[in-house]
Amino acid sequence: MPMTEKYCATNNLEPLVNQQVSHRLAYFAEMQQQLCVRNYGSSNIYDNGFTSLHSNSQHELRTESSHKSIEDNVTESRSVNQKLWPVKACLEMKCLWDEFNELGTEMIVTKAGRRAFPTFQIKLWGLDPDAHYILMMDFVPVDEKRYRYAFHSSSWVVAGKGDPCAPPRIHIHQDSPEKGSHWMKQAISFDKLKLTNNQLDNNGHIILNSMHRYQPRFHVIYDSATGEESKLVNFKTFTFIETQFIAVTAYQNHRITQLKIASNPFAKGFRDCDIDDWYVL
């Protein structure tokens, strides 16, 4: 049974599928919150310098040393489930992400919630075709800073200490849980995910602070039906540095606006307008 979008809030994990799956999701949500707290602003996770937006990452799975340190914090007393050992991932539309990354990606956040572009898409392999998996995304702050765009230098600069974070949320892919064969047959798109700056949002959207920098993370959770989740770590996390972005309420860099209009298939109407007529996509 697919999960609804409203099943995405970390602090509102109600049993929609069955009691076992709900228990595992609650367990993962707790781990995810701990990871978010542990990794907030940690220089050994992400480079706090904004130059890290310019990534030379490969198309293959990014199992960075920083990513490994995240897993080590959780796996001190437990082993990762063997079902997850061979699981690998690559980022879809990497060339497009690299173009945005070179400029400094910006993502619009609104009170009602806005879908992200480029869309977060990954390709998975190495899953057990007959085992069930749950796919999730979350977004963690890269640092504890607030940024502003300096138009005279066309660059982002630190504007001060970051604002307090809302309780962390996760977005569960609407097909979850599904067999490994389902997840591996084509690219997986998180196109229903929406970003908001509404701190009181009750629609399950991802709550972000405007003018703050974020790192999306992808999580693959093995849906065990044997109770072994109490002994093993049943999730694996993937990060792609080129997907980092600044949350904004309106685009600051006009080159980002141009690239979004040129590459977004839903922005055809803007291509026929003068630049002075462009508005937030």
C-alpha atoms as a PDB file:
ATOM      1  CA  MET A   1       0.000   0.000   0.000  1.00  0.00           C
ATOM      2  CA  PRO A   2       1.613   3.308  -1.022  1.00  0.00           C
ATOM      3  CA  MET A   3       2.172   5.856   1.711  1.00  0.00           C
ATOM      4  CA  THR A   4       0.593   9.289   1.525  1.00  0.00           C
ATOM      5  CA  GLU A   5       2.599  12.501   1.431  1.00  0.00           C
ATOM      6  CA  LYS A   6       1.287  13.420   4.872  1.00  0.00           C
ATOM      7  CA  TYR A   7       3.189  10.425   6.233  1.00  0.00           C
ATOM      8  CA  CYS A   8       6.401  12.387   5.871  1.00  0.00           C
ATOM      9  CA  ALA A   9       6.715  14.348   9.102  1.00  0.00           C
ATOM     10  CA  THR A  10       9.282  12.882  11.467  1.00  0.00           C
ATOM     11  CA  ASN A  11       7.207  13.980  14.433  1.00  0.00           C
ATOM     12  CA  ASN A  12       3.993  12.475  13.037  1.00  0.00           C
ATOM     13  CA  LEU A  13       4.817   8.890  12.068  1.00  0.00           C
ATOM     14  CA  GLU A  14       1.452   7.150  12.412  1.00  0.00           C
ATOM     15  CA  PRO A  15       0.886   3.503  11.385  1.00  0.00           C
ATOM     16  CA  LEU A  16      -0.495   3.704   7.838  1.00  0.00           C
ATOM     17  CA  VAL A  17       0.860   0.479   6.443  1.00  0.00           C
ATOM     18  CA  ASN A  18       1.102  -1.960   9.342  1.00  0.00           C
ATOM     19  CA  GLN A  19       2.466  -2.043  12.844  1.00  0.00           C
ATOM     20  CA  GLN A  20       5.786  -3.615  11.893  1.00  0.00           C
ATOM     21  CA  VAL A  21       6.577  -1.069   9.181  1.00  0.00           C
ATOM     22  CA  SER A  22       5.482   1.780  11.456  1.00  0.00           C
ATOM     23  CA  HIS A  23       7.831   0.524  14.171  1.00  0.00           C
ATOM     24  CA  ARG A  24      10.760   0.451  11.762  1.00  0.00           C
ATOM     25  CA  LEU A  25       9.954   3.900  10.404  1.00  0.00           C
ATOM     26  CA  ALA A  26       9.780   5.316  13.913  1.00  0.00           C
ATOM     27  CA  TYR A  27      13.144   3.695  14.670  1.00  0.00           C
ATOM     28  CA  PHE A  28      14.669   5.211  11.552  1.00  0.00           C
ATOM     29  CA  ALA A  29      13.124   8.614  12.275  1.00  0.00           C
ATOM     30  CA  GLU A  30      14.778   8.592  15.693  1.00  0.00           C
ATOM     31  CA  MET A  31      18.136   7.712  14.137  1.00  0.00           C
ATOM     32  CA  GLN A  32      17.636  10.411  11.497  1.00  0.00           C
ATOM     33  CA  GLN A  33      16.998  13.046  14.145  1.00  0.00           C
ATOM     34  CA  GLN A  34      20.129  11.990  16.014  1.00  0.00           C
ATOM     35  CA  LEU A  35      22.182  12.190  12.839  1.00  0.00           C
ATOM     36  CA  CYS A  36      20.833  15.650  12.102  1.00  0.00           C
ATOM     37  CA  VAL A  37      21.775  16.877  15.565  1.00  0.00           C
ATOM     38  CA  ARG A  38      25.215  15.253  15.469  1.00  0.00           C
ATOM     39  CA  ASN A  39      26.087  16.528  12.016  1.00  0.00           C
ATOM     40  CA  TYR A  40      24.759  20.078  12.291  1.00  0.00           C
ATOM     41  CA  GLY A  41      27.582  22.415  11.386  1.00  0.00           C
ATOM     42  CA  SER A  42      30.216  19.733  11.656  1.00  0.00           C
ATOM     43  CA  SER A  43      33.248  20.612   9.551  1.00  0.00           C
ATOM     44  CA  ASN A  44      34.210  16.945   9.185  1.00  0.00           C
ATOM     45  CA  ILE A  45      30.920  16.278   7.399  1.00  0.00           C
ATOM     46  CA  TYR A  46      30.864  19.111   4.866  1.00  0.00           C
ATOM     47  CA  ASP A  47      33.277  21.848   3.970  1.00  0.00           C
ATOM     48  CA  ASN A  48      31.885  24.990   5.594  1.00  0.00           C
ATOM     49  CA  GLY A  49      33.579  27.082   2.911  1.00  0.00           C
ATOM     50  CA  PHE A  50      31.127  27.956   0.183  1.00  0.00           C
ATOM     51  CA  THR A  51      33.629  26.834  -2.454  1.00  0.00           C
ATOM     52  CA  SER A  52      32.481  23.279  -1.795  1.00  0.00           C
ATOM     53  CA  LEU A  53      29.563  24.067  -4.077  1.00  0.00           C
ATOM     54  CA  HIS A  54      31.997  23.543  -6.927  1.00  0.00           C
ATOM     55  CA  SER A  55      32.154  19.758  -6.914  1.00  0.00           C
ATOM     56  CA  ASN A  56      34.261  17.430  -9.025  1.00  0.00           C
ATOM     57  CA  SER A  57      32.346  14.374  -7.897  1.00  0.00           C
ATOM     58  CA  GLN A  58      32.027  11.265 -10.017  1.00  0.00           C
ATOM     59  CA  HIS A  59      28.780   9.866 -11.402  1.00  0.00           C
ATOM     60  CA  GLU A  60      29.153   6.777  -9.214  1.00  0.00           C
ATOM     61  CA  LEU A  61      27.963   6.495  -5.636  1.00  0.00           C
ATOM     62  CA  ARG A  62      29.490   9.116  -3.347  1.00  0.00           C
ATOM     63  CA  THR A  63      30.585   7.166  -0.281  1.00  0.00           C
ATOM     64  CA  GLU A  64      32.660  10.052   1.098  1.00  0.00           C
ATOM     65  CA  SER A  65      34.829   9.868   4.192  1.00  0.00           C
ATOM     66  CA  SER A  66      32.336  12.283   5.762  1.00  0.00           C
ATOM     67  CA  HIS A  67      29.491   9.940   4.837  1.00  0.00           C
ATOM     68  CA  LYS A  68      31.367   7.038   6.393  1.00  0.00           C
ATOM     69  CA  SER A  69      31.762   8.954   9.642  1.00  0.00           C
ATOM     70  CA  ILE A  70      27.988   9.404   9.760  1.00  0.00           C
ATOM     71  CA  GLU A  71      27.478   5.647   9.493  1.00  0.00           C
ATOM     72  CA  ASP A  72      30.172   4.948  12.079  1.00  0.00           C
ATOM     73  CA  ASN A  73      28.308   7.008  14.668  1.00  0.00           C
ATOM     74  CA  VAL A  74      25.320   4.697  14.357  1.00  0.00           C
ATOM     75  CA  THR A  75      27.037   1.358  13.850  1.00  0.00           C
ATOM     76  CA  GLU A  76      29.258   1.344  16.919  1.00  0.00           C
ATOM     77  CA  SER A  77      27.367  -1.540  18.525  1.00  0.00           C
ATOM     78  CA  ARG A  78      25.474  -2.998  15.572  1.00  0.00           C
ATOM     79  CA  SER A  79      26.301  -4.238  12.091  1.00  0.00           C
ATOM     80  CA  VAL A  80      24.782  -3.072   8.844  1.00  0.00           C
ATOM     81  CA  ASN A  81      22.321  -5.609   7.441  1.00  0.00           C
ATOM     82  CA  GLN A  82      23.896  -7.698   4.680  1.00  0.00           C
ATOM     83  CA  LYS A  83      20.916  -6.875   2.451  1.00  0.00           C
ATOM     84  CA  LEU A  84      22.338  -3.334   2.223  1.00  0.00           C
ATOM     85  CA  TRP A  85      26.008  -4.144   1.660  1.00  0.00           C
ATOM     86  CA  PRO A  86      25.847  -4.268  -2.166  1.00  0.00           C
ATOM     87  CA  VAL A  87      23.395  -1.357  -2.523  1.00  0.00           C
ATOM     88  CA  LYS A  88      24.771   1.480  -4.650  1.00  0.00           C
ATOM     89  CA  ALA A  89      23.294   4.665  -6.054  1.00  0.00           C
ATOM     90  CA  CYS A  90      24.066   7.314  -8.633  1.00  0.00           C
ATOM     91  CA  LEU A  91      22.571  10.735  -9.162  1.00  0.00           C
ATOM     92  CA  GLU A  92      20.381  11.204 -12.225  1.00  0.00           C
ATOM     93  CA  MET A  93      20.736  14.388 -14.328  1.00  0.00           C
ATOM     94  CA  LYS A  94      24.198  14.888 -12.871  1.00  0.00           C
ATOM     95  CA  CYS A  95      25.325  17.144 -15.706  1.00  0.00           C
ATOM     96  CA  LEU A  96      22.435  19.508 -14.999  1.00  0.00           C
ATOM     97  CA  TRP A  97      23.163  19.448 -11.268  1.00  0.00           C
ATOM     98  CA  ASP A  98      26.803  20.287 -12.025  1.00  0.00           C
ATOM     99  CA  GLU A  99      25.711  23.332 -14.055  1.00  0.00           C
ATOM    100  CA  PHE A 100      23.643  24.636 -11.178  1.00  0.00           C
ATOM    101  CA  ASN A 101      26.334  23.733  -8.683  1.00  0.00           C
ATOM    102  CA  GLU A 102      28.913  25.814 -10.518  1.00  0.00           C
ATOM    103  CA  LEU A 103      26.657  28.860 -10.092  1.00  0.00           C
ATOM    104  CA  GLY A 104      25.514  28.057  -6.546  1.00  0.00           C
ATOM    105  CA  THR A 105      22.147  26.258  -6.612  1.00  0.00           C
ATOM    106  CA  GLU A 106      19.109  28.062  -5.220  1.00  0.00           C
ATOM    107  CA  MET A 107      15.775  26.421  -4.362  1.00  0.00           C
ATOM    108  CA  ILE A 108      12.551  28.360  -3.891  1.00  0.00           C
ATOM    109  CA  VAL A 109      10.648  27.885  -0.635  1.00  0.00           C
ATOM    110  CA  THR A 110       7.096  29.176  -0.203  1.00  0.00           C
ATOM    111  CA  LYS A 111       4.430  29.104   2.480  1.00  0.00           C
ATOM    112  CA  ALA A 112       2.319  26.673   0.442  1.00  0.00           C
ATOM    113  CA  GLY A 113       5.288  24.493  -0.571  1.00  0.00           C
ATOM    114  CA  ARG A 114       7.234  24.433  -3.842  1.00  0.00           C
ATOM    115  CA  ARG A 115       8.572  21.469  -5.798  1.00  0.00           C
ATOM    116  CA  ALA A 116      12.321  21.483  -6.299  1.00  0.00           C
ATOM    117  CA  PHE A 117      14.058  21.840  -9.659  1.00  0.00           C
ATOM    118  CA  PRO A 118      16.201  20.064 -10.661  1.00  0.00           C
ATOM    119  CA  THR A 119      14.141  17.181  -9.356  1.00  0.00           C
ATOM    120  CA  PHE A 120      15.869  14.842  -6.920  1.00  0.00           C
ATOM    121  CA  GLN A 121      16.322  11.580  -8.829  1.00  0.00           C
ATOM    122  CA  ILE A 122      18.565   8.602  -8.193  1.00  0.00           C
ATOM    123  CA  LYS A 123      19.225   5.205  -9.744  1.00  0.00           C
ATOM    124  CA  LEU A 124      19.682   2.223  -7.420  1.00  0.00           C
ATOM    125  CA  TRP A 125      21.202  -1.201  -7.949  1.00  0.00           C
ATOM    126  CA  GLY A 126      22.398  -4.059  -5.755  1.00  0.00           C
ATOM    127  CA  LEU A 127      19.028  -4.453  -4.003  1.00  0.00           C
ATOM    128  CA  ASP A 128      17.579  -7.894  -3.318  1.00  0.00           C
ATOM    129  CA  PRO A 129      14.848  -8.148  -6.014  1.00  0.00           C
ATOM    130  CA  ASP A 130      12.447  -9.926  -3.659  1.00  0.00           C
ATOM    131  CA  ALA A 131      13.104  -7.954  -0.465  1.00  0.00           C
ATOM    132  CA  HIS A 132      11.112  -4.861   0.444  1.00  0.00           C
ATOM    133  CA  TYR A 133      12.705  -1.447   0.873  1.00  0.00           C
ATOM    134  CA  ILE A 134      11.552   2.003   1.950  1.00  0.00           C
ATOM    135  CA  LEU A 135      13.076   5.103   0.357  1.00  0.00           C
ATOM    136  CA  MET A 136      13.344   8.423   2.162  1.00  0.00           C
ATOM    137  CA  MET A 137      14.914  11.856   1.824  1.00  0.00           C
ATOM    138  CA  ASP A 138      15.832  14.460   4.381  1.00  0.00           C
ATOM    139  CA  PHE A 139      17.678  17.772   4.354  1.00  0.00           C
ATOM    140  CA  VAL A 140      20.344  18.761   6.869  1.00  0.00           C
ATOM    141  CA  PRO A 141      21.949  22.195   7.356  1.00  0.00           C
ATOM    142  CA  VAL A 142      25.483  22.341   6.018  1.00  0.00           C
ATOM    143  CA  ASP A 143      26.512  24.819   8.710  1.00  0.00           C
ATOM    144  CA  GLU A 144      25.137  27.188  11.349  1.00  0.00           C
ATOM    145  CA  LYS A 145      25.288  30.267   9.131  1.00  0.00           C
ATOM    146  CA  ARG A 146      22.871  32.557   7.360  1.00  0.00           C
ATOM    147  CA  TYR A 147      23.858  33.822   3.917  1.00  0.00           C
ATOM    148  CA  ARG A 148      23.093  36.790   1.707  1.00  0.00           C
ATOM    149  CA  TYR A 149      23.786  37.376  -1.962  1.00  0.00           C
ATOM    150  CA  ALA A 150      26.290  40.132  -2.726  1.00  0.00           C
ATOM    151  CA  PHE A 151      25.180  41.508  -6.069  1.00  0.00           C
ATOM    152  CA  HIS A 152      28.315  43.614  -6.563  1.00  0.00           C
ATOM    153  CA  SER A 153      30.471  40.469  -6.517  1.00  0.00           C
ATOM    154  CA  SER A 154      27.818  37.975  -7.713  1.00  0.00           C
ATOM    155  CA  SER A 155      28.569  35.653  -4.831  1.00  0.00           C
ATOM    156  CA  TRP A 156      27.113  34.356  -1.582  1.00  0.00           C
ATOM    157  CA  VAL A 157      28.639  35.651   1.652  1.00  0.00           C
ATOM    158  CA  VAL A 158      28.053  34.848   5.308  1.00  0.00           C
ATOM    159  CA  ALA A 159      25.535  37.246   6.848  1.00  0.00           C
ATOM    160  CA  GLY A 160      25.573  35.970  10.419  1.00  0.00           C
ATOM    161  CA  LYS A 161      24.518  33.130  12.677  1.00  0.00           C
ATOM    162  CA  GLY A 162      21.867  30.795  11.334  1.00  0.00           C
ATOM    163  CA  ASP A 163      18.259  30.734  12.523  1.00  0.00           C
ATOM    164  CA  PRO A 164      16.972  27.899  14.743  1.00  0.00           C
ATOM    165  CA  CYS A 165      15.922  24.804  12.812  1.00  0.00           C
ATOM    166  CA  ALA A 166      12.389  23.452  12.778  1.00  0.00           C
ATOM    167  CA  PRO A 167      11.973  19.845  13.994  1.00  0.00           C
ATOM    168  CA  PRO A 168      13.597  17.720  11.262  1.00  0.00           C
ATOM    169  CA  ARG A 169      11.316  16.003   8.770  1.00  0.00           C
ATOM    170  CA  ILE A 170      11.725  13.184   6.311  1.00  0.00           C
ATOM    171  CA  HIS A 171       9.986  12.644   2.989  1.00  0.00           C
ATOM    172  CA  ILE A 172       8.978   9.058   2.288  1.00  0.00           C
ATOM    173  CA  HIS A 173       8.732   8.101  -1.363  1.00  0.00           C
ATOM    174  CA  GLN A 174       5.097   7.448  -2.241  1.00  0.00           C
ATOM    175  CA  ASP A 175       5.814   3.921  -3.580  1.00  0.00           C
ATOM    176  CA  SER A 176       7.256   2.721  -0.262  1.00  0.00           C
ATOM    177  CA  PRO A 177       7.501  -0.040   0.737  1.00  0.00           C
ATOM    178  CA  GLU A 178       8.277  -1.902  -2.492  1.00  0.00           C
ATOM    179  CA  LYS A 179      10.420  -4.774  -3.697  1.00  0.00           C
ATOM    180  CA  GLY A 180      13.975  -4.227  -4.810  1.00  0.00           C
ATOM    181  CA  SER A 181      13.000  -5.204  -8.349  1.00  0.00           C
ATOM    182  CA  HIS A 182      10.576  -2.261  -8.419  1.00  0.00           C
ATOM    183  CA  TRP A 183      13.165   0.266  -7.266  1.00  0.00           C
ATOM    184  CA  MET A 184      15.832  -0.951  -9.701  1.00  0.00           C
ATOM    185  CA  LYS A 185      13.760  -1.032 -12.884  1.00  0.00           C
ATOM    186  CA  GLN A 186      13.999   2.719 -13.498  1.00  0.00           C
ATOM    187  CA  ALA A 187      15.184   6.026 -12.038  1.00  0.00           C
ATOM    188  CA  ILE A 188      13.496   6.969  -8.765  1.00  0.00           C
ATOM    189  CA  SER A 189      12.064  10.479  -8.710  1.00  0.00           C
ATOM    190  CA  PHE A 190      11.155  12.418  -5.568  1.00  0.00           C
ATOM    191  CA  ASP A 191       9.024  14.757  -7.650  1.00  0.00           C
ATOM    192  CA  LYS A 192       6.238  15.022  -5.069  1.00  0.00           C
ATOM    193  CA  LEU A 193       8.555  16.479  -2.451  1.00  0.00           C
ATOM    194  CA  LYS A 194       7.864  20.127  -1.605  1.00  0.00           C
ATOM    195  CA  LEU A 195       9.935  22.718   0.231  1.00  0.00           C
ATOM    196  CA  THR A 196       8.375  25.306   2.529  1.00  0.00           C
ATOM    197  CA  ASN A 197       9.421  28.089   4.879  1.00  0.00           C
ATOM    198  CA  ASN A 198       6.176  27.773   6.850  1.00  0.00           C
ATOM    199  CA  GLN A 199       7.280  26.789  10.342  1.00  0.00           C
ATOM    200  CA  LEU A 200       3.680  25.743  11.141  1.00  0.00           C
ATOM    201  CA  ASP A 201       3.234  23.567   8.049  1.00  0.00           C
ATOM    202  CA  ASN A 202       0.929  20.590   8.635  1.00  0.00           C
ATOM    203  CA  ASN A 203       1.092  19.127   5.112  1.00  0.00           C
ATOM    204  CA  GLY A 204       4.250  17.086   5.613  1.00  0.00           C
ATOM    205  CA  HIS A 205       6.407  19.408   3.480  1.00  0.00           C
ATOM    206  CA  ILE A 206      10.111  19.834   4.233  1.00  0.00           C
ATOM    207  CA  ILE A 207      10.554  22.953   6.388  1.00  0.00           C
ATOM    208  CA  LEU A 208      13.657  25.030   5.580  1.00  0.00           C
ATOM    209  CA  ASN A 209      14.960  28.434   6.594  1.00  0.00           C
ATOM    210  CA  SER A 210      15.416  30.932   3.785  1.00  0.00           C
ATOM    211  CA  MET A 211      18.996  32.029   3.103  1.00  0.00           C
ATOM    212  CA  HIS A 212      20.417  28.884   4.706  1.00  0.00           C
ATOM    213  CA  ARG A 213      22.437  26.178   3.000  1.00  0.00           C
ATOM    214  CA  TYR A 214      21.272  22.547   2.937  1.00  0.00           C
ATOM    215  CA  GLN A 215      22.473  19.078   1.942  1.00  0.00           C
ATOM    216  CA  PRO A 216      19.857  16.602   0.682  1.00  0.00           C
ATOM    217  CA  ARG A 217      20.339  12.983   1.771  1.00  0.00           C
ATOM    218  CA  PHE A 218      18.855   9.783   0.348  1.00  0.00           C
ATOM    219  CA  HIS A 219      18.090   6.839   2.634  1.00  0.00           C
ATOM    220  CA  VAL A 220      17.425   3.214   1.665  1.00  0.00           C
ATOM    221  CA  ILE A 221      15.744   1.214   4.466  1.00  0.00           C
ATOM    222  CA  TYR A 222      15.553  -2.551   4.372  1.00  0.00           C
ATOM    223  CA  ASP A 223      12.034  -3.555   5.407  1.00  0.00           C
ATOM    224  CA  SER A 224      12.799  -6.563   7.584  1.00  0.00           C
ATOM    225  CA  ALA A 225       9.940  -8.835   8.556  1.00  0.00           C
ATOM    226  CA  THR A 226      11.952 -10.979  10.961  1.00  0.00           C
ATOM    227  CA  GLY A 227      12.580  -8.589  13.836  1.00  0.00           C
ATOM    228  CA  GLU A 228      16.296  -8.394  13.055  1.00  0.00           C
ATOM    229  CA  GLU A 229      16.123  -4.587  13.005  1.00  0.00           C
ATOM    230  CA  SER A 230      16.827  -4.634  16.733  1.00  0.00           C
ATOM    231  CA  LYS A 231      20.225  -6.203  16.075  1.00  0.00           C
ATOM    232  CA  LEU A 232      21.207  -4.665  12.736  1.00  0.00           C
ATOM    233  CA  VAL A 233      21.319  -1.246  11.117  1.00  0.00           C
ATOM    234  CA  ASN A 234      18.707  -1.498   8.380  1.00  0.00           C
ATOM    235  CA  PHE A 235      19.311   1.739   6.495  1.00  0.00           C
ATOM    236  CA  LYS A 236      21.988   3.127   4.221  1.00  0.00           C
ATOM    237  CA  THR A 237      22.500   6.809   3.447  1.00  0.00           C
ATOM    238  CA  PHE A 238      23.774   8.418   0.228  1.00  0.00           C
ATOM    239  CA  THR A 239      24.791  12.049  -0.226  1.00  0.00           C
ATOM    240  CA  PHE A 240      25.715  13.915  -3.404  1.00  0.00           C
ATOM    241  CA  ILE A 241      27.607  17.132  -2.715  1.00  0.00           C
ATOM    242  CA  GLU A 242      26.528  18.681  -6.022  1.00  0.00           C
ATOM    243  CA  THR A 243      22.919  18.777  -4.778  1.00  0.00           C
ATOM    244  CA  GLN A 244      23.651  21.283  -1.997  1.00  0.00           C
ATOM    245  CA  PHE A 245      21.618  24.471  -2.289  1.00  0.00           C
ATOM    246  CA  ILE A 246      20.592  27.739  -0.665  1.00  0.00           C
ATOM    247  CA  ALA A 247      16.890  28.058   0.208  1.00  0.00           C
ATOM    248  CA  VAL A 248      15.464  31.367  -1.071  1.00  0.00           C
ATOM    249  CA  THR A 249      12.067  33.030  -1.432  1.00  0.00           C
ATOM    250  CA  ALA A 250      13.144  34.612  -4.741  1.00  0.00           C
ATOM    251  CA  TYR A 251      16.115  33.849  -6.964  1.00  0.00           C
ATOM    252  CA  GLN A 252      19.114  36.033  -6.186  1.00  0.00           C
ATOM    253  CA  ASN A 253      21.496  35.093  -9.000  1.00  0.00           C
ATOM    254  CA  HIS A 254      20.035  35.982 -12.413  1.00  0.00           C
ATOM    255  CA  ARG A 255      22.110  33.211 -13.999  1.00  0.00           C
ATOM    256  CA  ILE A 256      20.265  30.680 -11.854  1.00  0.00           C
ATOM    257  CA  THR A 257      16.994  32.164 -13.115  1.00  0.00           C
ATOM    258  CA  GLN A 258      18.161  31.848 -16.705  1.00  0.00           C
ATOM    259  CA  LEU A 259      19.331  28.252 -16.252  1.00  0.00           C
ATOM    260  CA  LYS A 260      16.087  27.235 -14.541  1.00  0.00           C
ATOM    261  CA  ILE A 261      14.038  28.712 -17.377  1.00  0.00           C
ATOM    262  CA  ALA A 262      16.235  27.134 -20.031  1.00  0.00           C
ATOM    263  CA  SER A 263      16.234  23.644 -18.491  1.00  0.00           C
ATOM    264  CA  ASN A 264      12.825  23.359 -16.800  1.00  0.00           C
ATOM    265  CA  PRO A 265      10.259  21.846 -19.206  1.00  0.00           C
ATOM    266  CA  PHE A 266       7.460  23.561 -17.271  1.00  0.00           C
ATOM    267  CA  ALA A 267       8.958  27.020 -17.821  1.00  0.00           C
ATOM    268  CA  LYS A 268       8.259  27.253 -21.556  1.00  0.00           C
ATOM    269  CA  GLY A 269       6.142  30.370 -21.124  1.00  0.00           C
ATOM    270  CA  PHE A 270       9.038  32.260 -19.574  1.00  0.00           C
ATOM    271  CA  ARG A 271      11.301  31.608 -22.558  1.00  0.00           C
ATOM    272  CA  ASP A 272       9.144  33.852 -24.737  1.00  0.00           C
ATOM    273  CA  CYS A 273       9.261  36.759 -22.245  1.00  0.00           C
ATOM    274  CA  ASP A 274      11.751  39.536 -21.763  1.00  0.00           C
ATOM    275  CA  ILE A 275      14.084  39.132 -18.821  1.00  0.00           C
ATOM    276  CA  ASP A 276      12.346  42.038 -17.070  1.00  0.00           C
ATOM    277  CA  ASP A 277       9.128  40.022 -17.080  1.00  0.00           C
ATOM    278  CA  TRP A 278      10.616  36.959 -15.353  1.00  0.00           C
ATOM    279  CA  TYR A 279       9.272  36.112 -11.954  1.00  0.00           C
ATOM    280  CA  VAL A 280       9.884  33.322  -9.483  1.00  0.00           C
ATOM    281  CA  LEU A 281       9.444  29.942 -11.154  1.00  0.00           C
END
